[in-house]
């Protein structure tokens, strides 16, 4: 395994949890709600309605976004060069 030259300089963004081979644990901000869905506490139509509302919110946010269609590659490259020069 090749180590990145910045390894150890920054705290990890997240610490992977690997309790057993083949098991992946992902932390969610709403685990109780997801467990309630899994337990069948909601009607299917209620879940579909909520998903459609959330999709509409995402579409609206996308339409109102001021982000450019594409990143400014020249600016990104200048930033990367600057970061490499610092480290």
C-alpha atoms as a PDB file:
ATOM      1  CA  UNK A   1       0.000   0.000   0.000  1.00  0.00           C
ATOM      2  CA  UNK A   2       1.298   3.429  -0.941  1.00  0.00           C
ATOM      3  CA  UNK A   3       0.902   6.086   1.735  1.00  0.00           C
ATOM      4  CA  UNK A   4      -0.030   9.586   0.737  1.00  0.00           C
ATOM      5  CA  UNK A   5       2.616  12.148   1.580  1.00  0.00           C
ATOM      6  CA  UNK A   6       0.080  14.067   3.683  1.00  0.00           C
ATOM      7  CA  UNK A   7      -0.730  10.986   5.769  1.00  0.00           C
ATOM      8  CA  UNK A   8      -0.660  11.781   9.470  1.00  0.00           C
ATOM      9  CA  UNK A   9      -0.722  15.552   8.999  1.00  0.00           C
ATOM     10  CA  UNK A  10      -4.471  15.915   9.206  1.00  0.00           C
ATOM     11  CA  UNK A  11      -7.044  14.278  11.477  1.00  0.00           C
ATOM     12  CA  UNK A  12      -9.129  11.688   9.673  1.00  0.00           C
ATOM     13  CA  UNK A  13     -12.481  12.884   8.362  1.00  0.00           C
ATOM     14  CA  UNK A  14     -14.081   9.680   9.537  1.00  0.00           C
ATOM     15  CA  UNK A  15     -12.925   6.472  11.093  1.00  0.00           C
ATOM     16  CA  UNK A  16     -14.150   3.420   9.240  1.00  0.00           C
ATOM     17  CA  UNK A  17     -15.913   0.807  11.283  1.00  0.00           C
ATOM     18  CA  UNK A  18     -15.085  -2.760  10.252  1.00  0.00           C
ATOM     19  CA  UNK A  19     -16.360  -5.105  12.944  1.00  0.00           C
ATOM     20  CA  UNK A  20     -16.312  -8.177  10.706  1.00  0.00           C
ATOM     21  CA  UNK A  21     -15.431  -9.129   7.169  1.00  0.00           C
ATOM     22  CA  UNK A  22     -18.317  -8.364   4.837  1.00  0.00           C
ATOM     23  CA  UNK A  23     -20.018  -5.918   7.238  1.00  0.00           C
ATOM     24  CA  UNK A  24     -20.152  -2.222   6.468  1.00  0.00           C
ATOM     25  CA  UNK A  25     -21.548   0.162   9.054  1.00  0.00           C
ATOM     26  CA  UNK A  26     -22.664   3.583   7.888  1.00  0.00           C
ATOM     27  CA  UNK A  27     -23.671   6.266  10.361  1.00  0.00           C
ATOM     28  CA  UNK A  28     -26.835   8.101   9.421  1.00  0.00           C
ATOM     29  CA  UNK A  29     -28.296  11.283  10.910  1.00  0.00           C
ATOM     30  CA  UNK A  30     -31.725   9.637  11.182  1.00  0.00           C
ATOM     31  CA  UNK A  31     -31.263   5.991  12.208  1.00  0.00           C
ATOM     32  CA  UNK A  32     -34.460   5.848  14.270  1.00  0.00           C
ATOM     33  CA  UNK A  33     -36.572   6.925  11.308  1.00  0.00           C
ATOM     34  CA  UNK A  34     -34.921   4.378   9.029  1.00  0.00           C
ATOM     35  CA  UNK A  35     -35.503   1.616  11.575  1.00  0.00           C
ATOM     36  CA  UNK A  36     -39.163   2.630  11.777  1.00  0.00           C
ATOM     37  CA  UNK A  37     -39.409   2.308   7.990  1.00  0.00           C
ATOM     38  CA  UNK A  38     -37.768  -1.100   8.166  1.00  0.00           C
ATOM     39  CA  UNK A  39     -40.227  -2.165  10.886  1.00  0.00           C
ATOM     40  CA  UNK A  40     -43.138  -1.281   8.596  1.00  0.00           C
ATOM     41  CA  UNK A  41     -44.481   1.625  10.651  1.00  0.00           C
ATOM     42  CA  UNK A  42     -45.324   3.654   7.543  1.00  0.00           C
ATOM     43  CA  UNK A  43     -47.649   3.007   4.645  1.00  0.00           C
ATOM     44  CA  UNK A  44     -45.975   2.642   1.266  1.00  0.00           C
ATOM     45  CA  UNK A  45     -47.878   5.596  -0.197  1.00  0.00           C
ATOM     46  CA  UNK A  46     -46.757   7.803   2.704  1.00  0.00           C
ATOM     47  CA  UNK A  47     -43.121   6.954   1.966  1.00  0.00           C
ATOM     48  CA  UNK A  48     -43.575   7.558  -1.761  1.00  0.00           C
ATOM     49  CA  UNK A  49     -45.196  10.936  -1.056  1.00  0.00           C
ATOM     50  CA  UNK A  50     -42.325  11.935   1.212  1.00  0.00           C
ATOM     51  CA  UNK A  51     -39.753  10.830  -1.386  1.00  0.00           C
ATOM     52  CA  UNK A  52     -41.544  12.838  -4.077  1.00  0.00           C
ATOM     53  CA  UNK A  53     -41.571  15.925  -1.817  1.00  0.00           C
ATOM     54  CA  UNK A  54     -37.869  15.560  -1.126  1.00  0.00           C
ATOM     55  CA  UNK A  55     -37.148  15.126  -4.835  1.00  0.00           C
ATOM     56  CA  UNK A  56     -39.138  18.300  -5.579  1.00  0.00           C
ATOM     57  CA  UNK A  57     -37.048  20.159  -2.968  1.00  0.00           C
ATOM     58  CA  UNK A  58     -33.819  18.938  -4.584  1.00  0.00           C
ATOM     59  CA  UNK A  59     -35.006  19.956  -8.047  1.00  0.00           C
ATOM     60  CA  UNK A  60     -36.013  23.400  -6.766  1.00  0.00           C
ATOM     61  CA  UNK A  61     -32.652  23.858  -5.026  1.00  0.00           C
ATOM     62  CA  UNK A  62     -30.855  22.801  -8.217  1.00  0.00           C
ATOM     63  CA  UNK A  63     -32.843  25.286 -10.290  1.00  0.00           C
ATOM     64  CA  UNK A  64     -32.107  28.128  -7.849  1.00  0.00           C
ATOM     65  CA  UNK A  65     -28.436  27.236  -7.490  1.00  0.00           C
ATOM     66  CA  UNK A  66     -25.887  29.824  -8.517  1.00  0.00           C
ATOM     67  CA  UNK A  67     -23.194  27.203  -9.014  1.00  0.00           C
ATOM     68  CA  UNK A  68     -21.711  27.118 -12.518  1.00  0.00           C
ATOM     69  CA  UNK A  69     -22.419  24.134 -14.773  1.00  0.00           C
ATOM     70  CA  UNK A  70     -18.715  23.230 -14.777  1.00  0.00           C
ATOM     71  CA  UNK A  71     -15.902  24.029 -12.347  1.00  0.00           C
ATOM     72  CA  UNK A  72     -13.275  26.579 -13.333  1.00  0.00           C
ATOM     73  CA  UNK A  73     -10.488  24.102 -14.094  1.00  0.00           C
ATOM     74  CA  UNK A  74      -7.825  26.795 -14.320  1.00  0.00           C
ATOM     75  CA  UNK A  75      -8.731  28.060 -10.856  1.00  0.00           C
ATOM     76  CA  UNK A  76      -8.759  24.514  -9.469  1.00  0.00           C
ATOM     77  CA  UNK A  77      -5.340  23.794 -10.977  1.00  0.00           C
ATOM     78  CA  UNK A  78      -3.899  27.005  -9.525  1.00  0.00           C
ATOM     79  CA  UNK A  79      -5.261  26.058  -6.106  1.00  0.00           C
ATOM     80  CA  UNK A  80      -3.763  22.555  -6.330  1.00  0.00           C
ATOM     81  CA  UNK A  81      -0.368  23.960  -7.314  1.00  0.00           C
ATOM     82  CA  UNK A  82      -0.531  26.397  -4.399  1.00  0.00           C
ATOM     83  CA  UNK A  83      -1.388  23.597  -1.961  1.00  0.00           C
ATOM     84  CA  UNK A  84       1.464  21.432  -3.248  1.00  0.00           C
ATOM     85  CA  UNK A  85       3.893  24.319  -2.864  1.00  0.00           C
ATOM     86  CA  UNK A  86       2.837  24.823   0.763  1.00  0.00           C
ATOM     87  CA  UNK A  87       3.302  21.164   1.638  1.00  0.00           C
END
